[in-house]
N, C-alpha and C. Protein backbone atom coordinates (compact mmCIF):
# COMPACT_ATOMS: atom_id res chain seq x y z
N MET A 1 -15.73 -19.15 14.59
CA MET A 1 -14.42 -19.15 14.45
C MET A 1 -14.32 -19.77 13.05
N LEU A 2 -14.96 -20.80 12.75
CA LEU A 2 -14.94 -21.42 11.10
C LEU A 2 -15.35 -20.69 9.95
N ASN A 3 -16.36 -19.62 10.65
CA ASN A 3 -16.91 -18.70 9.82
C ASN A 3 -15.84 -17.75 9.18
N ALA A 4 -15.26 -17.24 10.28
CA ALA A 4 -14.19 -16.17 9.97
C ALA A 4 -13.01 -16.87 9.01
N LEU A 5 -12.65 -17.92 9.30
CA LEU A 5 -11.77 -18.38 8.76
C LEU A 5 -12.20 -18.92 6.93
N ARG A 6 -13.30 -19.06 6.86
CA ARG A 6 -13.90 -19.30 5.96
C ARG A 6 -14.25 -17.93 4.80
N ARG A 7 -14.56 -16.84 5.59
CA ARG A 7 -14.55 -15.60 4.99
C ARG A 7 -13.12 -15.26 4.71
N GLY A 8 -12.19 -15.41 5.45
CA GLY A 8 -10.76 -15.18 5.04
C GLY A 8 -10.34 -15.75 3.86
N LYS A 9 -10.66 -17.07 3.48
CA LYS A 9 -10.40 -18.09 2.38
C LYS A 9 -11.26 -17.51 1.24
N ASP A 10 -12.38 -17.19 1.36
CA ASP A 10 -13.14 -16.49 0.12
C ASP A 10 -12.61 -15.33 -0.08
N ARG A 11 -12.21 -14.31 0.53
CA ARG A 11 -11.66 -13.01 0.43
C ARG A 11 -10.12 -13.24 -0.51
N ARG A 12 -9.46 -14.19 0.15
CA ARG A 12 -8.11 -14.55 -0.72
C ARG A 12 -8.58 -14.96 -2.07
N LEU A 13 -9.46 -16.00 -2.27
CA LEU A 13 -9.94 -16.23 -3.52
C LEU A 13 -10.26 -15.14 -4.76
N ALA A 14 -11.15 -14.38 -3.89
CA ALA A 14 -11.78 -13.23 -4.45
C ALA A 14 -10.66 -12.37 -5.17
N ALA A 15 -9.59 -12.18 -4.35
CA ALA A 15 -8.35 -11.19 -4.78
C ALA A 15 -7.84 -11.95 -5.54
N ALA A 16 -7.49 -13.07 -5.55
CA ALA A 16 -6.81 -14.10 -6.48
C ALA A 16 -7.40 -13.82 -8.00
N ARG A 17 -8.97 -13.93 -8.10
CA ARG A 17 -9.47 -13.79 -9.18
C ARG A 17 -9.47 -12.44 -9.77
N LEU A 18 -9.67 -11.24 -8.87
CA LEU A 18 -9.18 -9.76 -9.45
C LEU A 18 -8.06 -9.87 -9.67
N ASN A 19 -6.73 -10.30 -9.33
CA ASN A 19 -5.52 -10.29 -9.82
C ASN A 19 -5.45 -10.94 -11.09
N GLN A 20 -6.11 -12.18 -11.23
CA GLN A 20 -6.00 -12.60 -12.77
C GLN A 20 -6.33 -11.77 -13.87
N VAL A 21 -7.65 -11.10 -13.43
CA VAL A 21 -8.10 -10.10 -14.45
C VAL A 21 -7.20 -9.20 -14.71
N LEU A 22 -6.45 -8.55 -13.36
CA LEU A 22 -5.72 -7.28 -13.36
C LEU A 22 -4.45 -7.80 -14.50
N VAL A 23 -3.82 -8.89 -14.15
CA VAL A 23 -2.70 -9.12 -14.48
C VAL A 23 -2.76 -9.44 -16.22
N ALA A 24 -4.03 -9.98 -16.42
CA ALA A 24 -4.35 -10.26 -18.00
C ALA A 24 -4.46 -8.98 -18.82
N ARG A 25 -5.11 -8.26 -18.19
CA ARG A 25 -5.03 -6.63 -18.76
C ARG A 25 -3.70 -6.13 -19.08
N ALA A 26 -3.22 -6.28 -17.90
CA ALA A 26 -2.09 -5.35 -17.86
C ALA A 26 -0.92 -6.02 -18.77
N ARG A 27 -1.13 -7.25 -19.24
CA ARG A 27 -0.26 -7.95 -20.15
C ARG A 27 -0.72 -7.90 -21.51
N ASP A 28 -1.85 -7.17 -21.96
CA ASP A 28 -2.38 -6.69 -23.37
C ASP A 28 -1.19 -6.14 -24.16
N PRO A 29 -0.73 -6.84 -25.10
CA PRO A 29 -0.06 -6.48 -26.14
C PRO A 29 -0.03 -4.81 -26.53
N VAL A 30 -1.38 -4.38 -26.43
CA VAL A 30 -1.66 -3.00 -27.11
C VAL A 30 -0.56 -2.12 -26.40
N PHE A 31 -0.39 -2.50 -24.97
CA PHE A 31 0.11 -1.18 -24.04
C PHE A 31 1.76 -1.11 -24.57
N PHE A 32 2.14 -2.32 -24.95
CA PHE A 32 3.67 -2.62 -25.33
C PHE A 32 3.87 -1.93 -26.89
N LEU A 33 2.95 -2.37 -27.54
CA LEU A 33 3.37 -2.38 -29.37
C LEU A 33 2.62 -0.94 -29.76
N ARG A 34 1.78 -0.70 -29.17
CA ARG A 34 0.91 0.78 -30.01
C ARG A 34 1.17 1.72 -29.15
N LEU A 35 1.36 1.71 -27.74
CA LEU A 35 1.49 2.81 -26.71
C LEU A 35 2.73 3.08 -26.00
N GLY A 36 3.85 2.21 -26.61
CA GLY A 36 5.01 2.78 -26.20
C GLY A 36 5.88 2.14 -24.74
N VAL A 37 4.78 1.57 -23.82
CA VAL A 37 5.17 0.90 -22.83
C VAL A 37 6.41 0.25 -23.01
N GLN A 38 7.50 0.05 -22.22
CA GLN A 38 8.56 -0.67 -22.30
C GLN A 38 8.01 -2.30 -21.80
N ASP A 39 8.49 -3.16 -22.73
CA ASP A 39 8.13 -4.52 -22.41
C ASP A 39 9.20 -4.90 -21.74
N THR A 40 9.51 -4.42 -20.25
CA THR A 40 10.64 -4.95 -19.28
C THR A 40 9.82 -5.07 -18.15
N PHE A 41 10.73 -5.50 -17.07
CA PHE A 41 10.02 -5.81 -15.67
C PHE A 41 9.60 -4.71 -15.54
N ASP A 42 10.08 -3.47 -15.50
CA ASP A 42 9.48 -2.40 -14.93
C ASP A 42 8.33 -1.63 -15.75
N GLY A 43 8.39 -1.93 -17.02
CA GLY A 43 7.16 -1.50 -17.58
C GLY A 43 5.62 -2.16 -17.20
N ARG A 44 6.22 -3.65 -17.16
CA ARG A 44 4.98 -4.79 -16.64
C ARG A 44 4.64 -4.30 -15.44
N PHE A 45 5.50 -4.13 -14.60
CA PHE A 45 5.39 -3.78 -13.25
C PHE A 45 4.32 -2.29 -13.10
N ASP A 46 4.82 -1.49 -13.95
CA ASP A 46 3.89 0.06 -13.80
C ASP A 46 2.41 -0.23 -14.31
N LEU A 47 2.17 -1.16 -15.38
CA LEU A 47 0.94 -1.22 -15.79
C LEU A 47 0.09 -2.20 -14.86
N VAL A 48 0.64 -3.04 -14.31
CA VAL A 48 0.24 -3.83 -12.99
C VAL A 48 -0.40 -2.84 -12.16
N VAL A 49 0.49 -2.10 -11.51
CA VAL A 49 0.02 -0.91 -10.66
C VAL A 49 -0.94 0.09 -11.02
N LEU A 50 -0.83 0.42 -12.08
CA LEU A 50 -1.86 1.30 -12.85
C LEU A 50 -3.34 0.68 -12.61
N HIS A 51 -3.33 -0.42 -13.09
CA HIS A 51 -4.45 -1.31 -13.05
C HIS A 51 -5.17 -1.74 -11.46
N ALA A 52 -4.02 -1.98 -10.75
CA ALA A 52 -4.32 -2.24 -9.43
C ALA A 52 -4.89 -0.91 -8.82
N TRP A 53 -4.35 0.68 -9.17
CA TRP A 53 -4.82 1.40 -8.71
C TRP A 53 -6.48 1.68 -9.10
N LEU A 54 -6.87 1.37 -10.05
CA LEU A 54 -7.90 1.13 -10.42
C LEU A 54 -9.04 0.70 -9.55
N VAL A 55 -8.80 -0.60 -9.21
CA VAL A 55 -9.11 -1.68 -8.25
C VAL A 55 -9.50 -1.27 -6.89
N LEU A 56 -8.20 -0.77 -6.37
CA LEU A 56 -7.97 -0.52 -4.88
C LEU A 56 -8.85 0.95 -4.88
N ASP A 57 -9.06 1.88 -6.22
CA ASP A 57 -9.55 2.88 -5.67
C ASP A 57 -11.14 2.59 -5.50
N ARG A 58 -11.74 1.52 -6.31
CA ARG A 58 -12.90 1.25 -5.96
C ARG A 58 -13.19 0.54 -4.89
N LEU A 59 -12.33 -0.42 -4.59
CA LEU A 59 -12.51 -0.87 -3.21
C LEU A 59 -12.85 0.09 -2.22
N ALA A 60 -11.76 0.90 -2.37
CA ALA A 60 -11.91 1.93 -1.11
C ALA A 60 -13.15 2.82 -1.23
N ASP A 61 -13.78 2.88 -2.17
CA ASP A 61 -15.19 3.82 -2.52
C ASP A 61 -16.33 2.73 -1.62
N ALA A 62 -15.89 1.56 -1.78
CA ALA A 62 -16.77 0.25 -1.19
C ALA A 62 -16.93 0.00 -0.01
N GLY A 63 -15.72 0.57 0.91
CA GLY A 63 -15.19 0.42 2.06
C GLY A 63 -14.81 -1.01 2.08
N ALA A 64 -14.55 -1.71 1.28
CA ALA A 64 -14.19 -3.12 1.29
C ALA A 64 -12.82 -3.38 1.51
N THR A 65 -12.46 -2.84 2.96
CA THR A 65 -10.93 -2.91 3.19
C THR A 65 -10.28 -4.27 3.37
N ALA A 66 -11.03 -5.03 4.23
CA ALA A 66 -10.67 -6.54 4.01
C ALA A 66 -10.28 -7.19 2.83
N LEU A 67 -10.97 -6.92 1.75
CA LEU A 67 -10.78 -7.36 0.35
C LEU A 67 -9.73 -6.65 -0.16
N SER A 68 -9.48 -5.44 -0.04
CA SER A 68 -8.64 -4.64 -0.17
C SER A 68 -7.24 -5.07 0.22
N GLN A 69 -7.06 -5.44 1.08
CA GLN A 69 -5.88 -5.96 1.72
C GLN A 69 -5.48 -7.01 1.32
N ALA A 70 -6.31 -7.84 0.94
CA ALA A 70 -6.26 -9.18 0.57
C ALA A 70 -5.75 -9.40 -0.94
N PHE A 71 -6.11 -8.28 -1.72
CA PHE A 71 -6.06 -7.96 -2.97
C PHE A 71 -4.71 -7.58 -3.07
N VAL A 72 -4.06 -6.60 -2.28
CA VAL A 72 -2.71 -5.92 -2.20
C VAL A 72 -1.96 -7.10 -1.79
N ASP A 73 -1.91 -7.90 -0.75
CA ASP A 73 -1.25 -8.99 -0.33
C ASP A 73 -1.05 -9.92 -1.39
N THR A 74 -2.05 -10.42 -2.29
CA THR A 74 -1.97 -11.07 -3.65
C THR A 74 -0.64 -10.57 -4.31
N ILE A 75 -1.36 -9.30 -4.89
CA ILE A 75 -0.24 -8.37 -5.86
C ILE A 75 0.82 -8.56 -5.28
N PHE A 76 1.52 -8.35 -3.94
CA PHE A 76 2.94 -8.44 -3.63
C PHE A 76 3.50 -10.07 -3.66
N ILE A 77 2.31 -10.99 -3.55
CA ILE A 77 2.97 -12.42 -3.65
C ILE A 77 3.26 -12.34 -4.97
N THR A 78 2.74 -11.94 -5.99
CA THR A 78 3.13 -11.98 -7.20
C THR A 78 4.33 -11.47 -7.84
N PHE A 79 4.39 -10.30 -7.01
CA PHE A 79 5.50 -9.65 -7.27
C PHE A 79 6.75 -10.49 -6.75
N ASP A 80 6.92 -10.79 -5.75
CA ASP A 80 7.84 -11.96 -4.95
C ASP A 80 8.09 -12.88 -5.88
N GLU A 81 7.17 -13.70 -6.31
CA GLU A 81 7.45 -14.73 -7.43
C GLU A 81 7.87 -14.32 -8.59
N ALA A 82 7.66 -13.18 -8.99
CA ALA A 82 8.38 -12.97 -10.16
C ALA A 82 9.71 -12.49 -10.29
N LEU A 83 10.04 -12.08 -8.82
CA LEU A 83 11.51 -11.59 -8.71
C LEU A 83 12.37 -13.19 -8.38
N ARG A 84 11.63 -13.89 -7.88
CA ARG A 84 12.47 -15.14 -7.66
C ARG A 84 12.54 -15.94 -9.16
N GLU A 85 11.45 -15.77 -9.87
CA GLU A 85 11.66 -16.41 -11.18
C GLU A 85 12.70 -15.69 -11.74
N LEU A 86 13.07 -14.19 -11.62
CA LEU A 86 14.27 -13.86 -12.10
C LEU A 86 15.65 -13.94 -11.61
N GLY A 87 15.47 -14.92 -11.02
CA GLY A 87 16.67 -15.44 -10.11
C GLY A 87 16.82 -14.60 -8.92
N ALA A 88 16.22 -13.91 -8.13
CA ALA A 88 16.46 -13.27 -6.94
C ALA A 88 16.24 -14.17 -5.88
N GLY A 89 17.40 -14.22 -4.67
CA GLY A 89 17.32 -15.43 -3.88
C GLY A 89 16.92 -14.64 -2.37
N ASP A 90 16.71 -15.30 -1.62
CA ASP A 90 16.22 -14.99 -0.21
C ASP A 90 17.17 -13.86 0.35
N ILE A 91 18.56 -13.76 -0.06
CA ILE A 91 19.70 -12.90 0.75
C ILE A 91 19.01 -11.55 -0.22
N GLY A 92 18.82 -10.14 0.39
CA GLY A 92 18.12 -8.83 -0.50
C GLY A 92 16.80 -9.06 -0.89
N MET A 93 15.98 -10.24 -0.53
CA MET A 93 14.55 -10.22 -1.27
C MET A 93 14.14 -9.23 -0.72
N GLY A 94 14.07 -9.01 0.62
CA GLY A 94 13.37 -8.05 1.69
C GLY A 94 13.99 -6.40 1.08
N ARG A 95 14.97 -6.04 0.63
CA ARG A 95 15.30 -5.02 0.19
C ARG A 95 14.51 -4.70 -1.13
N ARG A 96 14.53 -5.67 -1.81
CA ARG A 96 13.79 -5.70 -2.89
C ARG A 96 12.20 -5.61 -3.22
N VAL A 97 11.59 -6.03 -2.26
CA VAL A 97 10.41 -5.76 -2.06
C VAL A 97 10.02 -4.64 -1.38
N LYS A 98 10.94 -3.88 -0.82
CA LYS A 98 10.55 -2.57 0.01
C LYS A 98 10.89 -1.75 -1.11
N LYS A 99 11.51 -1.92 -2.07
CA LYS A 99 11.60 -0.97 -3.35
C LYS A 99 10.55 -1.05 -3.94
N LEU A 100 10.00 -1.86 -4.59
CA LEU A 100 8.61 -2.39 -5.13
C LEU A 100 7.60 -1.91 -4.32
N ALA A 101 7.63 -1.86 -2.87
CA ALA A 101 6.53 -1.16 -2.33
C ALA A 101 6.42 0.22 -2.07
N ASN A 102 7.54 0.68 -2.32
CA ASN A 102 7.89 2.27 -2.25
C ASN A 102 7.04 2.65 -3.64
N ALA A 103 7.53 2.02 -4.44
CA ALA A 103 7.33 2.46 -6.29
C ALA A 103 5.81 2.25 -6.18
N PHE A 104 5.09 1.12 -5.68
CA PHE A 104 3.89 0.68 -5.77
C PHE A 104 3.17 2.15 -5.23
N TYR A 105 3.29 2.38 -3.71
CA TYR A 105 2.48 3.38 -3.08
C TYR A 105 2.66 4.65 -3.91
N GLY A 106 3.64 4.87 -4.06
CA GLY A 106 4.20 6.23 -4.55
C GLY A 106 3.23 6.48 -5.95
N ARG A 107 3.05 5.53 -6.78
CA ARG A 107 2.48 5.55 -7.77
C ARG A 107 0.82 5.66 -7.71
N MET A 108 0.44 4.78 -6.55
CA MET A 108 -0.89 5.28 -5.98
C MET A 108 -1.36 6.35 -5.85
N GLN A 109 -0.27 7.30 -4.79
CA GLN A 109 -0.60 8.60 -4.60
C GLN A 109 -0.58 9.16 -6.04
N ALA A 110 0.38 9.13 -7.10
CA ALA A 110 0.47 10.01 -7.83
C ALA A 110 -0.88 9.83 -8.86
N TYR A 111 -1.33 8.65 -9.13
CA TYR A 111 -2.41 8.23 -9.72
C TYR A 111 -3.66 9.10 -8.89
N GLY A 112 -3.56 8.95 -7.69
CA GLY A 112 -5.11 9.36 -6.85
C GLY A 112 -4.87 11.09 -7.17
N ASP A 113 -3.49 11.42 -7.12
CA ASP A 113 -3.73 12.89 -7.19
C ASP A 113 -4.06 13.29 -8.42
N ALA A 114 -3.94 12.85 -9.42
CA ALA A 114 -4.21 13.37 -10.89
C ALA A 114 -5.87 13.48 -11.02
N LYS A 115 -6.29 14.65 -11.17
CA LYS A 115 -7.99 14.91 -10.98
C LYS A 115 -8.45 14.95 -12.55
N ASP A 116 -7.65 15.21 -13.64
CA ASP A 116 -8.21 15.19 -14.94
C ASP A 116 -7.56 14.53 -15.66
N GLU A 117 -7.73 14.68 -16.97
CA GLU A 117 -6.94 13.78 -17.92
C GLU A 117 -5.49 14.90 -17.95
N ALA A 118 -5.32 16.09 -18.09
CA ALA A 118 -3.67 16.30 -18.05
C ALA A 118 -2.98 15.76 -17.06
N GLY A 119 -3.43 15.84 -15.72
CA GLY A 119 -2.87 15.42 -14.26
C GLY A 119 -2.67 13.94 -14.53
N MET A 120 -3.42 13.35 -15.40
CA MET A 120 -3.36 11.61 -15.30
C MET A 120 -2.03 11.36 -16.37
N GLU A 121 -1.90 12.13 -17.47
CA GLU A 121 -1.13 11.76 -18.51
C GLU A 121 0.24 12.46 -18.11
N ALA A 122 0.15 13.41 -17.02
CA ALA A 122 1.42 14.17 -16.66
C ALA A 122 1.99 12.86 -15.59
N ALA A 123 1.09 11.93 -14.78
CA ALA A 123 1.63 11.03 -13.99
C ALA A 123 2.18 9.95 -14.56
N LEU A 124 1.38 9.58 -15.61
CA LEU A 124 2.10 8.60 -16.67
C LEU A 124 3.16 8.84 -17.23
N VAL A 125 3.23 10.01 -18.08
CA VAL A 125 4.75 10.29 -18.26
C VAL A 125 5.69 10.08 -17.46
N ARG A 126 5.52 10.51 -16.05
CA ARG A 126 6.50 10.43 -14.78
C ARG A 126 6.80 9.16 -14.69
N ASN A 127 5.69 8.18 -14.49
CA ASN A 127 6.06 7.07 -13.89
C ASN A 127 5.97 5.92 -14.83
N LEU A 128 5.13 5.73 -15.88
CA LEU A 128 5.04 4.49 -16.78
C LEU A 128 6.14 4.83 -17.99
N TYR A 129 6.20 6.11 -18.46
CA TYR A 129 7.28 6.57 -19.39
C TYR A 129 8.47 7.03 -18.78
N ARG A 130 8.85 7.03 -17.74
CA ARG A 130 10.00 7.02 -16.89
C ARG A 130 10.53 8.91 -17.28
N GLY A 131 9.52 9.65 -17.46
CA GLY A 131 9.66 10.84 -17.73
C GLY A 131 10.13 11.24 -19.15
N VAL A 132 10.20 10.40 -19.82
CA VAL A 132 10.39 10.46 -21.51
C VAL A 132 8.90 10.94 -22.17
N PRO A 133 8.64 11.72 -22.83
CA PRO A 133 7.14 11.79 -23.16
C PRO A 133 6.98 11.21 -24.28
N ASN A 134 5.90 10.94 -24.35
CA ASN A 134 5.28 9.71 -25.49
C ASN A 134 3.84 10.17 -25.63
N ALA A 135 3.80 9.66 -27.03
CA ALA A 135 2.22 10.31 -27.75
C ALA A 135 1.19 9.07 -27.09
N GLY A 136 1.98 8.29 -26.62
CA GLY A 136 0.70 7.04 -25.97
C GLY A 136 0.11 7.55 -24.69
N ALA A 137 0.89 8.57 -23.83
CA ALA A 137 0.55 8.81 -22.55
C ALA A 137 -0.84 9.57 -22.53
N LYS A 138 -1.32 10.44 -23.73
CA LYS A 138 -2.47 11.16 -23.95
C LYS A 138 -3.44 9.87 -24.07
N ILE A 139 -3.23 9.22 -25.08
CA ILE A 139 -4.26 7.82 -25.37
C ILE A 139 -4.44 7.10 -23.97
N LEU A 140 -3.36 6.77 -23.03
CA LEU A 140 -3.58 5.89 -22.15
C LEU A 140 -4.30 6.70 -20.89
N ALA A 141 -4.03 7.93 -20.86
CA ALA A 141 -4.68 8.70 -19.62
C ALA A 141 -6.36 8.45 -20.07
N ARG A 142 -6.50 8.96 -21.43
CA ARG A 142 -8.27 8.76 -21.74
C ARG A 142 -8.60 7.39 -21.25
N TYR A 143 -7.87 6.40 -21.66
CA TYR A 143 -8.43 5.13 -21.12
C TYR A 143 -8.20 4.72 -19.75
N VAL A 144 -7.21 5.27 -18.78
CA VAL A 144 -7.43 5.27 -17.40
C VAL A 144 -8.71 5.74 -17.08
N LEU A 145 -8.97 6.97 -17.24
CA LEU A 145 -10.23 7.68 -16.92
C LEU A 145 -11.26 6.76 -17.25
N SER A 146 -11.48 6.48 -18.48
CA SER A 146 -12.69 5.75 -19.03
C SER A 146 -12.52 4.31 -18.02
N ALA A 147 -11.65 3.51 -18.21
CA ALA A 147 -11.65 2.59 -17.14
C ALA A 147 -12.05 2.60 -15.61
N LYS A 148 -11.57 3.73 -15.30
CA LYS A 148 -12.02 4.19 -13.81
C LYS A 148 -13.41 4.38 -13.56
N ALA A 149 -14.01 5.08 -14.68
CA ALA A 149 -15.27 4.96 -14.52
C ALA A 149 -16.36 3.48 -14.71
N ARG A 150 -15.68 2.58 -15.71
CA ARG A 150 -16.27 1.29 -15.75
C ARG A 150 -15.93 0.41 -14.53
N VAL A 151 -14.79 0.66 -14.05
CA VAL A 151 -14.52 -0.18 -12.88
C VAL A 151 -15.51 0.12 -11.41
N ALA A 152 -15.60 1.51 -11.63
CA ALA A 152 -16.63 2.02 -10.79
C ALA A 152 -18.02 1.66 -10.62
N ALA A 153 -18.32 0.78 -11.58
CA ALA A 153 -19.77 0.30 -11.69
C ALA A 153 -19.83 -1.38 -11.46
N CYS A 154 -18.31 -1.70 -11.15
CA CYS A 154 -18.22 -3.30 -11.15
C CYS A 154 -18.30 -3.78 -9.64
N ASP A 155 -19.06 -4.93 -9.55
CA ASP A 155 -19.07 -5.67 -8.31
C ASP A 155 -18.02 -6.39 -8.05
N LEU A 156 -17.05 -5.99 -7.32
CA LEU A 156 -15.48 -6.54 -7.30
C LEU A 156 -15.97 -7.61 -6.42
N GLU A 157 -16.55 -7.37 -5.02
CA GLU A 157 -16.82 -8.40 -4.25
C GLU A 157 -17.25 -9.58 -4.72
N ASN A 158 -17.94 -9.61 -5.70
CA ASN A 158 -18.45 -10.87 -6.30
C ASN A 158 -17.71 -11.09 -7.78
N ASN A 159 -16.40 -10.66 -7.82
CA ASN A 159 -15.51 -11.11 -8.77
C ASN A 159 -15.91 -10.36 -10.03
N VAL A 160 -16.34 -9.35 -10.08
CA VAL A 160 -17.16 -8.73 -11.46
C VAL A 160 -16.08 -7.60 -11.72
N LEU A 161 -15.14 -7.70 -12.59
CA LEU A 161 -14.22 -6.67 -12.96
C LEU A 161 -14.05 -6.51 -14.52
N ASP A 162 -14.16 -5.19 -14.70
CA ASP A 162 -14.19 -4.97 -16.48
C ASP A 162 -13.72 -3.61 -16.45
N PHE A 163 -12.46 -3.65 -17.10
CA PHE A 163 -11.68 -2.29 -17.27
C PHE A 163 -12.20 -1.75 -18.72
N GLY A 164 -13.31 -2.55 -19.46
CA GLY A 164 -13.67 -1.66 -20.70
C GLY A 164 -12.66 -2.08 -21.72
N PRO A 165 -13.12 -1.45 -22.86
CA PRO A 165 -12.07 -1.90 -24.25
C PRO A 165 -10.53 -1.28 -23.97
N VAL A 166 -9.61 -2.14 -24.53
CA VAL A 166 -8.39 -1.65 -24.50
C VAL A 166 -8.00 -0.39 -25.17
N PRO A 167 -7.27 0.35 -24.95
CA PRO A 167 -7.12 1.62 -25.62
C PRO A 167 -6.66 1.56 -27.33
N ASP A 168 -7.28 2.09 -27.93
CA ASP A 168 -6.90 2.45 -29.45
C ASP A 168 -6.05 3.32 -29.44
N GLU A 169 -5.54 3.36 -30.84
CA GLU A 169 -4.38 4.46 -31.22
C GLU A 169 -5.50 5.45 -31.93
N GLU A 170 -5.27 6.55 -31.80
CA GLU A 170 -5.71 7.64 -32.36
C GLU A 170 -4.89 8.64 -33.29
């Protein structure tokens, strides 16, 4: 029983560490200053989701379902805290979190369905850029595919997460 509790705590700590790395990358100014992502709640949300997809895809490949669930739980706790910091109260919080969850899982599906650079670029334009064509989408699509390969080589269960270099303008 105690070992089960300890494993649960270890998973939550691992998920929290992965989330810290993810959030730090998603907040990198290059996305906002050079690639045209809106520096708004929605833009920051979309960058977190994009990077979360990379991590969750890797965890699924590794069969790490328990860590994957702990990671998703951590992300949604972070979303909840962000909404509360923006002034959202308990009334209506469930509706807001449900809306975020629908957006989160919709984007997971969209990014998972993108099988090549063109597909990823289209998914990014639709989601990250809200349907408005942006030259940053092509650069970001290349970055995502490169980061996916980089994350695939990471040992996430031992808190090793590396997205590779931030995207450069071309």
